[in-house]
N, C-alpha and C. Protein backbone atom coordinates (compact mmCIF):
# COMPACT_ATOMS: atom_id res chain seq x y z
N MET A 1 -11.48 -41.89 -13.31
CA MET A 1 -11.33 -41.03 -12.18
C MET A 1 -10.50 -39.82 -12.60
N THR A 2 -10.92 -38.66 -12.16
CA THR A 2 -10.22 -37.44 -12.54
C THR A 2 -9.29 -37.01 -11.43
N ASP A 3 -8.23 -36.35 -11.84
CA ASP A 3 -7.26 -35.81 -10.89
C ASP A 3 -7.65 -34.38 -10.55
N ASP A 4 -7.80 -34.09 -9.27
CA ASP A 4 -8.06 -32.74 -8.82
C ASP A 4 -6.82 -32.28 -8.06
N ASN A 5 -6.03 -31.43 -8.73
CA ASN A 5 -4.80 -30.97 -8.11
C ASN A 5 -5.00 -29.66 -7.33
N GLY A 6 -6.25 -29.21 -7.19
CA GLY A 6 -6.52 -28.00 -6.43
C GLY A 6 -6.39 -26.72 -7.22
N ILE A 7 -5.99 -26.81 -8.49
CA ILE A 7 -5.86 -25.62 -9.32
C ILE A 7 -7.11 -25.53 -10.19
N HIS A 8 -7.81 -24.42 -10.04
CA HIS A 8 -9.04 -24.23 -10.80
C HIS A 8 -8.90 -23.01 -11.69
N ASP A 9 -9.46 -23.10 -12.85
CA ASP A 9 -9.46 -21.98 -13.78
C ASP A 9 -10.61 -21.04 -13.43
N ALA A 10 -10.31 -19.77 -13.16
CA ALA A 10 -11.33 -18.81 -12.76
C ALA A 10 -12.29 -18.50 -13.91
N ALA A 11 -11.85 -18.69 -15.14
CA ALA A 11 -12.69 -18.39 -16.30
C ALA A 11 -13.60 -19.55 -16.68
N ALA A 12 -13.49 -20.68 -16.01
CA ALA A 12 -14.29 -21.85 -16.38
C ALA A 12 -15.78 -21.62 -16.24
N PRO A 13 -16.27 -21.02 -15.15
CA PRO A 13 -17.72 -20.77 -15.10
C PRO A 13 -18.19 -19.79 -16.17
N ARG A 14 -17.35 -18.80 -16.49
CA ARG A 14 -17.72 -17.83 -17.51
C ARG A 14 -17.78 -18.50 -18.88
N GLN A 15 -16.84 -19.38 -19.17
CA GLN A 15 -16.87 -20.10 -20.44
C GLN A 15 -18.09 -21.01 -20.52
N HIS A 16 -18.47 -21.59 -19.38
CA HIS A 16 -19.65 -22.44 -19.35
C HIS A 16 -20.91 -21.62 -19.65
N VAL A 17 -20.99 -20.41 -19.10
CA VAL A 17 -22.15 -19.55 -19.34
C VAL A 17 -22.19 -19.11 -20.80
N LEU A 18 -21.04 -18.81 -21.39
CA LEU A 18 -21.01 -18.38 -22.78
C LEU A 18 -21.39 -19.50 -23.74
N ARG A 19 -21.19 -20.74 -23.34
CA ARG A 19 -21.56 -21.86 -24.20
C ARG A 19 -23.03 -22.21 -24.10
N MET A 20 -23.72 -21.72 -23.08
CA MET A 20 -25.14 -22.04 -22.95
C MET A 20 -25.94 -21.27 -24.00
N PRO A 21 -26.93 -21.90 -24.58
CA PRO A 21 -27.74 -21.19 -25.58
C PRO A 21 -28.72 -20.23 -24.91
N GLN A 22 -29.18 -19.25 -25.69
CA GLN A 22 -30.18 -18.31 -25.18
C GLN A 22 -31.50 -19.05 -24.99
N SER A 23 -32.28 -18.60 -24.08
CA SER A 23 -33.59 -19.17 -23.83
C SER A 23 -34.56 -18.70 -24.91
N GLY A 24 -35.25 -19.62 -25.52
CA GLY A 24 -36.25 -19.27 -26.52
C GLY A 24 -37.40 -18.48 -25.91
N HIS A 25 -37.75 -18.82 -24.67
CA HIS A 25 -38.79 -18.08 -23.98
C HIS A 25 -38.36 -16.62 -23.76
N GLY A 26 -37.10 -16.43 -23.44
CA GLY A 26 -36.59 -15.08 -23.20
C GLY A 26 -36.58 -14.24 -24.47
N VAL A 27 -36.16 -14.84 -25.57
CA VAL A 27 -36.15 -14.12 -26.85
C VAL A 27 -37.58 -13.77 -27.25
N ALA A 28 -38.51 -14.72 -27.07
CA ALA A 28 -39.92 -14.44 -27.39
C ALA A 28 -40.47 -13.33 -26.51
N SER A 29 -40.12 -13.32 -25.23
CA SER A 29 -40.57 -12.27 -24.32
C SER A 29 -40.03 -10.91 -24.75
N PHE A 30 -38.79 -10.87 -25.17
CA PHE A 30 -38.17 -9.62 -25.61
C PHE A 30 -38.84 -9.10 -26.88
N VAL A 31 -39.08 -9.98 -27.84
CA VAL A 31 -39.71 -9.58 -29.10
C VAL A 31 -41.14 -9.10 -28.85
N ILE A 32 -41.86 -9.81 -27.99
CA ILE A 32 -43.23 -9.40 -27.66
C ILE A 32 -43.22 -8.03 -27.00
N ALA A 33 -42.25 -7.79 -26.13
CA ALA A 33 -42.16 -6.48 -25.47
C ALA A 33 -41.91 -5.37 -26.48
N LEU A 34 -41.02 -5.61 -27.43
CA LEU A 34 -40.75 -4.58 -28.43
C LEU A 34 -41.97 -4.29 -29.29
N VAL A 35 -42.62 -5.34 -29.78
CA VAL A 35 -43.77 -5.16 -30.67
C VAL A 35 -44.94 -4.53 -29.92
N SER A 36 -45.28 -5.08 -28.76
CA SER A 36 -46.44 -4.54 -28.05
C SER A 36 -46.17 -3.14 -27.52
N GLY A 37 -44.96 -2.86 -27.12
CA GLY A 37 -44.62 -1.51 -26.67
C GLY A 37 -44.76 -0.49 -27.78
N LEU A 38 -44.28 -0.82 -28.97
CA LEU A 38 -44.40 0.11 -30.09
C LEU A 38 -45.84 0.30 -30.53
N VAL A 39 -46.63 -0.77 -30.55
CA VAL A 39 -48.03 -0.66 -30.96
C VAL A 39 -48.82 0.15 -29.94
N ILE A 40 -48.61 -0.10 -28.66
CA ILE A 40 -49.33 0.65 -27.63
C ILE A 40 -48.92 2.11 -27.63
N LEU A 41 -47.65 2.39 -27.81
CA LEU A 41 -47.19 3.78 -27.91
C LEU A 41 -47.81 4.47 -29.12
N ALA A 42 -47.88 3.78 -30.25
CA ALA A 42 -48.50 4.36 -31.45
C ALA A 42 -49.99 4.60 -31.23
N ALA A 43 -50.67 3.67 -30.55
CA ALA A 43 -52.10 3.83 -30.29
C ALA A 43 -52.36 5.02 -29.37
N ILE A 44 -51.55 5.17 -28.34
CA ILE A 44 -51.72 6.30 -27.42
C ILE A 44 -51.43 7.62 -28.15
N THR A 45 -50.40 7.63 -28.96
CA THR A 45 -50.05 8.84 -29.72
C THR A 45 -51.15 9.20 -30.71
N PHE A 46 -51.67 8.20 -31.40
CA PHE A 46 -52.73 8.44 -32.38
C PHE A 46 -54.00 8.97 -31.69
N SER A 47 -54.32 8.39 -30.53
CA SER A 47 -55.49 8.87 -29.77
C SER A 47 -55.29 10.31 -29.32
N ALA A 48 -54.11 10.62 -28.85
CA ALA A 48 -53.83 11.99 -28.40
C ALA A 48 -53.91 12.98 -29.56
N LEU A 49 -53.46 12.57 -30.74
CA LEU A 49 -53.55 13.46 -31.89
C LEU A 49 -55.00 13.70 -32.31
N ILE A 50 -55.83 12.67 -32.21
CA ILE A 50 -57.25 12.85 -32.55
C ILE A 50 -57.91 13.78 -31.54
N VAL A 51 -57.62 13.61 -30.27
CA VAL A 51 -58.20 14.48 -29.25
C VAL A 51 -57.71 15.91 -29.41
N ALA A 52 -56.44 16.07 -29.75
CA ALA A 52 -55.88 17.41 -29.92
C ALA A 52 -56.42 18.12 -31.15
N SER A 53 -56.93 17.37 -32.13
CA SER A 53 -57.47 18.00 -33.33
C SER A 53 -58.77 18.75 -33.06
N GLY A 54 -59.41 18.43 -31.92
CA GLY A 54 -60.57 19.22 -31.52
C GLY A 54 -61.90 18.51 -31.65
N ASP A 55 -62.16 17.84 -32.74
CA ASP A 55 -63.46 17.22 -32.95
C ASP A 55 -63.34 15.71 -32.78
N SER A 56 -63.25 15.28 -31.54
CA SER A 56 -63.09 13.85 -31.28
C SER A 56 -64.41 13.11 -31.21
N GLY A 57 -65.54 13.82 -31.19
CA GLY A 57 -66.85 13.19 -31.09
C GLY A 57 -67.21 12.35 -32.31
N GLN A 58 -66.76 12.75 -33.48
CA GLN A 58 -67.10 11.99 -34.68
C GLN A 58 -66.14 10.83 -34.93
N HIS A 59 -65.14 10.66 -34.10
CA HIS A 59 -64.17 9.58 -34.28
C HIS A 59 -64.34 8.48 -33.24
N MET A 60 -65.53 8.29 -32.72
CA MET A 60 -65.74 7.29 -31.67
C MET A 60 -65.46 5.86 -32.15
N ALA A 61 -65.76 5.57 -33.39
CA ALA A 61 -65.48 4.23 -33.92
C ALA A 61 -63.97 3.99 -33.95
N VAL A 62 -63.21 5.02 -34.27
CA VAL A 62 -61.75 4.89 -34.29
C VAL A 62 -61.23 4.67 -32.87
N PHE A 63 -61.80 5.39 -31.89
CA PHE A 63 -61.39 5.19 -30.51
C PHE A 63 -61.71 3.77 -30.04
N GLY A 64 -62.85 3.24 -30.46
CA GLY A 64 -63.20 1.85 -30.12
C GLY A 64 -62.20 0.86 -30.69
N LEU A 65 -61.80 1.07 -31.94
CA LEU A 65 -60.81 0.19 -32.57
C LEU A 65 -59.45 0.31 -31.87
N ILE A 66 -59.07 1.52 -31.52
CA ILE A 66 -57.81 1.72 -30.81
C ILE A 66 -57.84 1.03 -29.45
N GLY A 67 -58.99 1.12 -28.77
CA GLY A 67 -59.13 0.45 -27.47
C GLY A 67 -59.00 -1.07 -27.59
N ILE A 68 -59.62 -1.65 -28.62
CA ILE A 68 -59.53 -3.10 -28.83
C ILE A 68 -58.08 -3.51 -29.12
N VAL A 69 -57.41 -2.73 -29.97
CA VAL A 69 -56.01 -3.04 -30.30
C VAL A 69 -55.14 -2.94 -29.06
N MET A 70 -55.36 -1.90 -28.25
CA MET A 70 -54.57 -1.75 -27.03
C MET A 70 -54.81 -2.90 -26.05
N CYS A 71 -56.06 -3.29 -25.89
CA CYS A 71 -56.36 -4.41 -25.00
C CYS A 71 -55.70 -5.70 -25.49
N ALA A 72 -55.75 -5.94 -26.79
CA ALA A 72 -55.13 -7.14 -27.34
C ALA A 72 -53.62 -7.15 -27.09
N PHE A 73 -52.97 -6.01 -27.28
CA PHE A 73 -51.53 -5.97 -27.09
C PHE A 73 -51.14 -5.92 -25.61
N LEU A 74 -52.03 -5.46 -24.75
CA LEU A 74 -51.77 -5.56 -23.31
C LEU A 74 -51.84 -7.02 -22.86
N VAL A 75 -52.78 -7.78 -23.41
CA VAL A 75 -52.84 -9.21 -23.11
C VAL A 75 -51.58 -9.90 -23.65
N LEU A 76 -51.14 -9.50 -24.84
CA LEU A 76 -49.91 -10.06 -25.40
C LEU A 76 -48.72 -9.71 -24.52
N SER A 77 -48.70 -8.52 -23.97
CA SER A 77 -47.63 -8.12 -23.07
C SER A 77 -47.66 -8.94 -21.78
N LEU A 78 -48.86 -9.28 -21.32
CA LEU A 78 -48.98 -10.16 -20.16
C LEU A 78 -48.42 -11.55 -20.46
N VAL A 79 -48.66 -12.04 -21.67
CA VAL A 79 -48.07 -13.32 -22.09
C VAL A 79 -46.55 -13.21 -22.12
N GLY A 80 -46.03 -12.08 -22.63
CA GLY A 80 -44.59 -11.85 -22.64
C GLY A 80 -44.00 -11.79 -21.24
N LEU A 81 -44.75 -11.25 -20.29
CA LEU A 81 -44.31 -11.21 -18.90
C LEU A 81 -44.16 -12.63 -18.35
N VAL A 82 -45.13 -13.48 -18.64
CA VAL A 82 -45.07 -14.87 -18.17
C VAL A 82 -43.91 -15.61 -18.85
N LEU A 83 -43.71 -15.38 -20.15
CA LEU A 83 -42.59 -16.02 -20.85
C LEU A 83 -41.25 -15.56 -20.27
N GLY A 84 -41.14 -14.28 -19.93
CA GLY A 84 -39.92 -13.78 -19.31
C GLY A 84 -39.67 -14.41 -17.96
N LEU A 85 -40.74 -14.62 -17.19
CA LEU A 85 -40.60 -15.28 -15.90
C LEU A 85 -40.16 -16.73 -16.06
N ILE A 86 -40.71 -17.40 -17.05
CA ILE A 86 -40.29 -18.78 -17.33
C ILE A 86 -38.82 -18.81 -17.72
N ALA A 87 -38.40 -17.86 -18.55
CA ALA A 87 -36.99 -17.81 -18.97
C ALA A 87 -36.06 -17.53 -17.79
N LEU A 88 -36.51 -16.72 -16.85
CA LEU A 88 -35.67 -16.42 -15.68
C LEU A 88 -35.54 -17.62 -14.76
N ARG A 89 -36.50 -18.51 -14.76
CA ARG A 89 -36.47 -19.67 -13.87
C ARG A 89 -35.61 -20.82 -14.41
N ARG A 90 -35.29 -20.80 -15.69
CA ARG A 90 -34.51 -21.90 -16.28
C ARG A 90 -33.03 -21.75 -15.94
N GLN A 91 -32.45 -22.80 -15.48
CA GLN A 91 -31.04 -22.78 -15.09
C GLN A 91 -30.11 -23.23 -16.22
N ASP A 92 -30.65 -23.92 -17.22
CA ASP A 92 -29.81 -24.48 -18.26
C ASP A 92 -29.67 -23.58 -19.48
N ARG A 93 -30.21 -22.39 -19.41
CA ARG A 93 -30.17 -21.44 -20.52
C ARG A 93 -29.71 -20.08 -20.02
N ARG A 94 -29.24 -19.25 -20.96
CA ARG A 94 -28.90 -17.88 -20.60
C ARG A 94 -30.18 -17.09 -20.38
N ARG A 95 -30.14 -16.15 -19.44
CA ARG A 95 -31.36 -15.47 -19.02
C ARG A 95 -31.36 -13.99 -19.34
N THR A 96 -30.47 -13.53 -20.20
CA THR A 96 -30.37 -12.11 -20.49
C THR A 96 -31.64 -11.57 -21.14
N PHE A 97 -32.07 -12.19 -22.23
CA PHE A 97 -33.27 -11.71 -22.92
C PHE A 97 -34.51 -11.92 -22.07
N GLY A 98 -34.51 -12.94 -21.24
CA GLY A 98 -35.63 -13.15 -20.33
C GLY A 98 -35.79 -12.01 -19.34
N ALA A 99 -34.65 -11.56 -18.80
CA ALA A 99 -34.69 -10.45 -17.83
C ALA A 99 -35.11 -9.14 -18.51
N ILE A 100 -34.57 -8.89 -19.70
CA ILE A 100 -34.93 -7.66 -20.41
C ILE A 100 -36.41 -7.70 -20.82
N GLY A 101 -36.85 -8.84 -21.35
CA GLY A 101 -38.25 -8.99 -21.75
C GLY A 101 -39.20 -8.87 -20.58
N PHE A 102 -38.84 -9.48 -19.45
CA PHE A 102 -39.67 -9.39 -18.24
C PHE A 102 -39.79 -7.94 -17.79
N GLY A 103 -38.67 -7.24 -17.75
CA GLY A 103 -38.68 -5.84 -17.31
C GLY A 103 -39.46 -4.93 -18.25
N LEU A 104 -39.28 -5.10 -19.55
CA LEU A 104 -39.99 -4.26 -20.50
C LEU A 104 -41.50 -4.53 -20.48
N ASN A 105 -41.87 -5.80 -20.41
CA ASN A 105 -43.30 -6.13 -20.36
C ASN A 105 -43.94 -5.61 -19.08
N ALA A 106 -43.23 -5.72 -17.97
CA ALA A 106 -43.76 -5.17 -16.71
C ALA A 106 -43.89 -3.66 -16.81
N LEU A 107 -42.92 -3.00 -17.42
CA LEU A 107 -42.97 -1.55 -17.59
C LEU A 107 -44.14 -1.15 -18.49
N ILE A 108 -44.40 -1.91 -19.53
CA ILE A 108 -45.52 -1.63 -20.42
C ILE A 108 -46.84 -1.75 -19.67
N LEU A 109 -47.00 -2.82 -18.91
CA LEU A 109 -48.26 -3.03 -18.18
C LEU A 109 -48.46 -1.98 -17.09
N VAL A 110 -47.45 -1.74 -16.30
CA VAL A 110 -47.57 -0.76 -15.21
C VAL A 110 -47.70 0.66 -15.77
N GLY A 111 -46.95 0.97 -16.80
CA GLY A 111 -47.02 2.31 -17.40
C GLY A 111 -48.37 2.59 -18.03
N THR A 112 -48.92 1.61 -18.73
CA THR A 112 -50.23 1.81 -19.35
C THR A 112 -51.32 1.93 -18.29
N ALA A 113 -51.24 1.09 -17.26
CA ALA A 113 -52.23 1.19 -16.17
C ALA A 113 -52.10 2.54 -15.46
N GLY A 114 -50.90 3.01 -15.24
CA GLY A 114 -50.70 4.31 -14.61
C GLY A 114 -51.21 5.45 -15.47
N LEU A 115 -50.99 5.34 -16.77
CA LEU A 115 -51.48 6.36 -17.69
C LEU A 115 -53.01 6.38 -17.72
N MET A 116 -53.62 5.20 -17.63
CA MET A 116 -55.09 5.14 -17.57
C MET A 116 -55.61 5.76 -16.27
N LEU A 117 -54.93 5.52 -15.17
CA LEU A 117 -55.35 6.12 -13.90
C LEU A 117 -55.21 7.64 -13.92
N VAL A 118 -54.13 8.13 -14.48
CA VAL A 118 -53.94 9.57 -14.58
C VAL A 118 -55.01 10.18 -15.48
N GLY A 119 -55.31 9.54 -16.60
CA GLY A 119 -56.36 10.03 -17.49
C GLY A 119 -57.72 10.02 -16.82
N THR A 120 -58.00 8.97 -16.06
CA THR A 120 -59.27 8.91 -15.34
C THR A 120 -59.35 10.00 -14.29
N PHE A 121 -58.27 10.24 -13.57
CA PHE A 121 -58.25 11.28 -12.56
C PHE A 121 -58.49 12.66 -13.17
N PHE A 122 -57.81 12.95 -14.27
CA PHE A 122 -57.97 14.27 -14.88
C PHE A 122 -59.33 14.44 -15.54
N SER A 123 -59.91 13.36 -16.05
CA SER A 123 -61.22 13.50 -16.67
C SER A 123 -62.30 13.75 -15.61
N HIS A 124 -62.13 13.18 -14.43
CA HIS A 124 -63.11 13.40 -13.36
C HIS A 124 -62.88 14.70 -12.61
N SER A 125 -61.65 15.18 -12.59
CA SER A 125 -61.38 16.42 -11.86
C SER A 125 -61.79 17.65 -12.66
N SER A 126 -61.86 17.54 -13.99
CA SER A 126 -62.21 18.70 -14.80
C SER A 126 -63.70 18.84 -15.01
N SER A 127 -64.49 17.82 -14.65
CA SER A 127 -65.94 17.92 -14.86
C SER A 127 -66.70 18.30 -13.62
């Protein structure tokens, strides 16, 4: 039986949180967000450079490859979003990387979808 004298240490919950290990799902979500974000940004930049060079008609095979790579990494970002959500739901692990990974993956998905909508709007408005 323990003695409870009514005196509690205010730092006890903080020490308990610091002793908890990081969530593996959260770290995986964060790493996926970094990798897929950089690859998608590079693909968009590379596509823009090809279009800006003027003769984009002869590079259709390259655009197809870029599209496949972007779709693959968007699916990977969706997996990272789910892993981040799983990490946020766990109570026995720290959730820092889960929250960052969830936010970055959501930003990647929403930002890419928004960029596609803007591109579609401008391509239809100029023709």
